[in-house]
């Protein structure tokens, strides 16, 4: 069964649903979680343009926020009796999907659990899908937890 469960989190309600499912899976299997968060430093610094001198302050805050997010997710897992550790990444060396696969191999994970918005059509084409990229290249099973529609 799945003993080593990798869970990317970003603070969204979709990622929270993925985390909750990963915790349930870990409780059933007696597994443990590795929680991942990526600070999107490359997009942030590119967008700063003329404000580049301020980017180090913003980046530091983004890292602090990421650490807080990971700590909260870890506390949630531990409160439900699941062991968890965390990894924070600065996001400048590769695509998100490539980084997730690197972590899968380095840890090594048995399964990846992540939330997905389940976008289709133009929305998917314009925004892309990190979850789909992970699914396509990941060497281990991937459990996609779909965002709950509010309509």
Protein backbone atom coordinates (compact mmCIF):
# COMPACT_ATOMS: atom_id res chain seq x y z
CA UNK A 1 0.00 0.00 0.00
CA UNK A 2 1.02 3.62 -0.18
CA UNK A 3 3.47 4.42 2.61
CA UNK A 4 5.15 7.56 1.26
CA UNK A 5 2.64 10.11 0.00
CA UNK A 6 3.82 13.31 -1.68
CA UNK A 7 1.41 16.26 -1.47
CA UNK A 8 1.98 19.61 -3.21
CA UNK A 9 0.11 22.42 -1.42
CA UNK A 10 -0.41 26.06 -2.37
CA UNK A 11 -2.98 27.32 0.11
CA UNK A 12 -5.93 27.07 -2.31
CA UNK A 13 -9.17 25.30 -1.45
CA UNK A 14 -8.35 22.81 -4.18
CA UNK A 15 -4.98 21.97 -2.61
CA UNK A 16 -6.70 21.72 0.77
CA UNK A 17 -9.04 19.04 -0.63
CA UNK A 18 -5.99 17.18 -1.93
CA UNK A 19 -4.32 17.42 1.48
CA UNK A 20 -7.43 16.13 3.25
CA UNK A 21 -7.60 13.14 0.89
CA UNK A 22 -3.88 12.45 1.35
CA UNK A 23 -4.33 12.47 5.13
CA UNK A 24 -7.21 9.98 4.81
CA UNK A 25 -5.09 7.77 2.57
CA UNK A 26 -2.14 7.91 4.98
CA UNK A 27 -4.38 7.01 7.92
CA UNK A 28 -5.75 3.99 6.05
CA UNK A 29 -2.33 2.79 4.94
CA UNK A 30 -0.28 3.79 7.98
CA UNK A 31 1.73 6.02 5.66
CA UNK A 32 3.46 9.34 6.00
CA UNK A 33 3.26 12.58 4.05
CA UNK A 34 5.82 14.83 2.47
CA UNK A 35 4.27 18.25 1.91
CA UNK A 36 5.68 20.42 -0.88
CA UNK A 37 5.28 24.13 -1.52
CA UNK A 38 6.86 26.17 -4.25
CA UNK A 39 7.46 29.91 -3.96
CA UNK A 40 6.84 31.25 -7.46
CA UNK A 41 9.95 33.45 -7.39
CA UNK A 42 10.51 33.51 -11.13
CA UNK A 43 7.05 34.87 -11.96
CA UNK A 44 7.24 37.33 -9.11
CA UNK A 45 10.63 38.77 -10.07
CA UNK A 46 9.69 38.93 -13.75
CA UNK A 47 6.55 40.87 -12.91
CA UNK A 48 8.38 43.33 -10.65
CA UNK A 49 10.18 45.04 -13.56
CA UNK A 50 11.13 48.54 -12.40
CA UNK A 51 10.38 47.56 -8.82
CA UNK A 52 13.17 44.98 -8.78
CA UNK A 53 14.88 46.57 -5.74
CA UNK A 54 11.79 45.66 -3.71
CA UNK A 55 11.65 42.11 -5.01
CA UNK A 56 13.94 40.73 -2.30
CA UNK A 57 11.50 41.95 0.36
CA UNK A 58 8.57 40.42 -1.49
CA UNK A 59 10.45 37.17 -2.03
CA UNK A 60 11.34 36.98 1.67
CA UNK A 61 7.66 37.46 2.55
CA UNK A 62 6.64 34.79 0.04
CA UNK A 63 9.08 32.35 1.64
CA UNK A 64 7.76 33.19 5.11
CA UNK A 65 4.19 32.68 3.89
CA UNK A 66 5.20 29.36 2.30
CA UNK A 67 6.81 28.17 5.51
CA UNK A 68 3.66 29.13 7.42
CA UNK A 69 1.46 27.29 4.92
CA UNK A 70 3.60 24.16 5.19
CA UNK A 71 3.63 24.33 9.00
CA UNK A 72 -0.18 24.57 9.07
CA UNK A 73 -0.56 21.63 6.68
CA UNK A 74 1.90 19.59 8.76
CA UNK A 75 0.02 20.44 11.96
CA UNK A 76 -3.23 19.34 10.31
CA UNK A 77 -1.71 15.98 9.39
CA UNK A 78 -0.17 15.45 12.82
CA UNK A 79 -3.46 16.37 14.52
CA UNK A 80 -5.03 13.51 12.56
CA UNK A 81 -2.29 11.08 13.55
CA UNK A 82 -0.26 11.20 10.34
CA UNK A 83 3.50 11.83 10.25
CA UNK A 84 4.52 14.59 7.86
CA UNK A 85 7.56 16.57 6.83
CA UNK A 86 7.87 19.58 4.55
CA UNK A 87 9.91 20.89 1.62
CA UNK A 88 9.93 24.52 0.44
CA UNK A 89 11.32 25.34 -3.02
CA UNK A 90 12.20 28.72 -4.57
CA UNK A 91 10.83 27.73 -7.96
CA UNK A 92 13.55 29.07 -10.23
CA UNK A 93 15.15 25.91 -11.56
CA UNK A 94 12.35 23.95 -13.26
CA UNK A 95 8.67 23.58 -14.06
CA UNK A 96 6.47 22.60 -11.14
CA UNK A 97 5.82 19.14 -12.61
CA UNK A 98 9.54 18.50 -13.06
CA UNK A 99 10.23 19.51 -9.46
CA UNK A 100 7.47 17.22 -8.17
CA UNK A 101 9.01 14.31 -10.11
CA UNK A 102 12.45 15.17 -8.71
CA UNK A 103 10.98 15.01 -5.20
CA UNK A 104 9.18 11.73 -6.00
CA UNK A 105 12.50 10.17 -6.93
CA UNK A 106 14.58 11.76 -4.16
CA UNK A 107 12.28 10.79 -1.29
CA UNK A 108 11.11 8.20 -2.87
CA UNK A 109 7.31 8.54 -2.93
CA UNK A 110 4.81 5.76 -3.63
CA UNK A 111 2.03 8.09 -4.78
CA UNK A 112 1.36 11.80 -5.40
CA UNK A 113 -1.91 13.35 -4.25
CA UNK A 114 -2.86 16.78 -5.51
CA UNK A 115 -5.90 18.92 -6.04
CA UNK A 116 -7.02 19.96 -9.50
CA UNK A 117 -9.49 22.53 -10.70
CA UNK A 118 -10.59 20.21 -13.50
CA UNK A 119 -10.61 23.02 -16.04
CA UNK A 120 -11.69 22.23 -19.58
CA UNK A 121 -11.70 23.89 -22.95
CA UNK A 122 -10.33 27.43 -23.27
CA UNK A 123 -9.71 27.80 -19.53
CA UNK A 124 -7.43 24.77 -19.57
CA UNK A 125 -5.73 25.88 -22.76
CA UNK A 126 -5.01 29.39 -21.44
CA UNK A 127 -4.13 28.52 -17.87
CA UNK A 128 -2.57 25.11 -18.42
CA UNK A 129 -2.70 22.43 -15.82
CA UNK A 130 0.11 21.69 -13.41
CA UNK A 131 -1.83 18.62 -12.30
CA UNK A 132 -2.03 17.31 -15.86
CA UNK A 133 1.71 17.82 -16.35
CA UNK A 134 2.44 15.91 -13.14
CA UNK A 135 0.08 13.14 -14.23
CA UNK A 136 1.77 12.82 -17.63
CA UNK A 137 5.39 12.57 -16.41
CA UNK A 138 5.19 11.13 -12.91
CA UNK A 139 6.75 7.65 -12.50
CA UNK A 140 4.38 6.73 -9.64
CA UNK A 141 0.58 6.74 -9.38
CA UNK A 142 -1.08 10.16 -9.11
CA UNK A 143 -4.36 10.72 -7.31
CA UNK A 144 -6.09 13.87 -8.57
CA UNK A 145 -8.66 15.32 -6.21
CA UNK A 146 -11.06 17.49 -8.13
CA UNK A 147 -12.16 20.89 -6.92
CA UNK A 148 -15.73 20.82 -5.68
CA UNK A 149 -18.02 22.73 -8.04
CA UNK A 150 -20.14 25.35 -6.31
CA UNK A 151 -22.69 25.63 -9.15
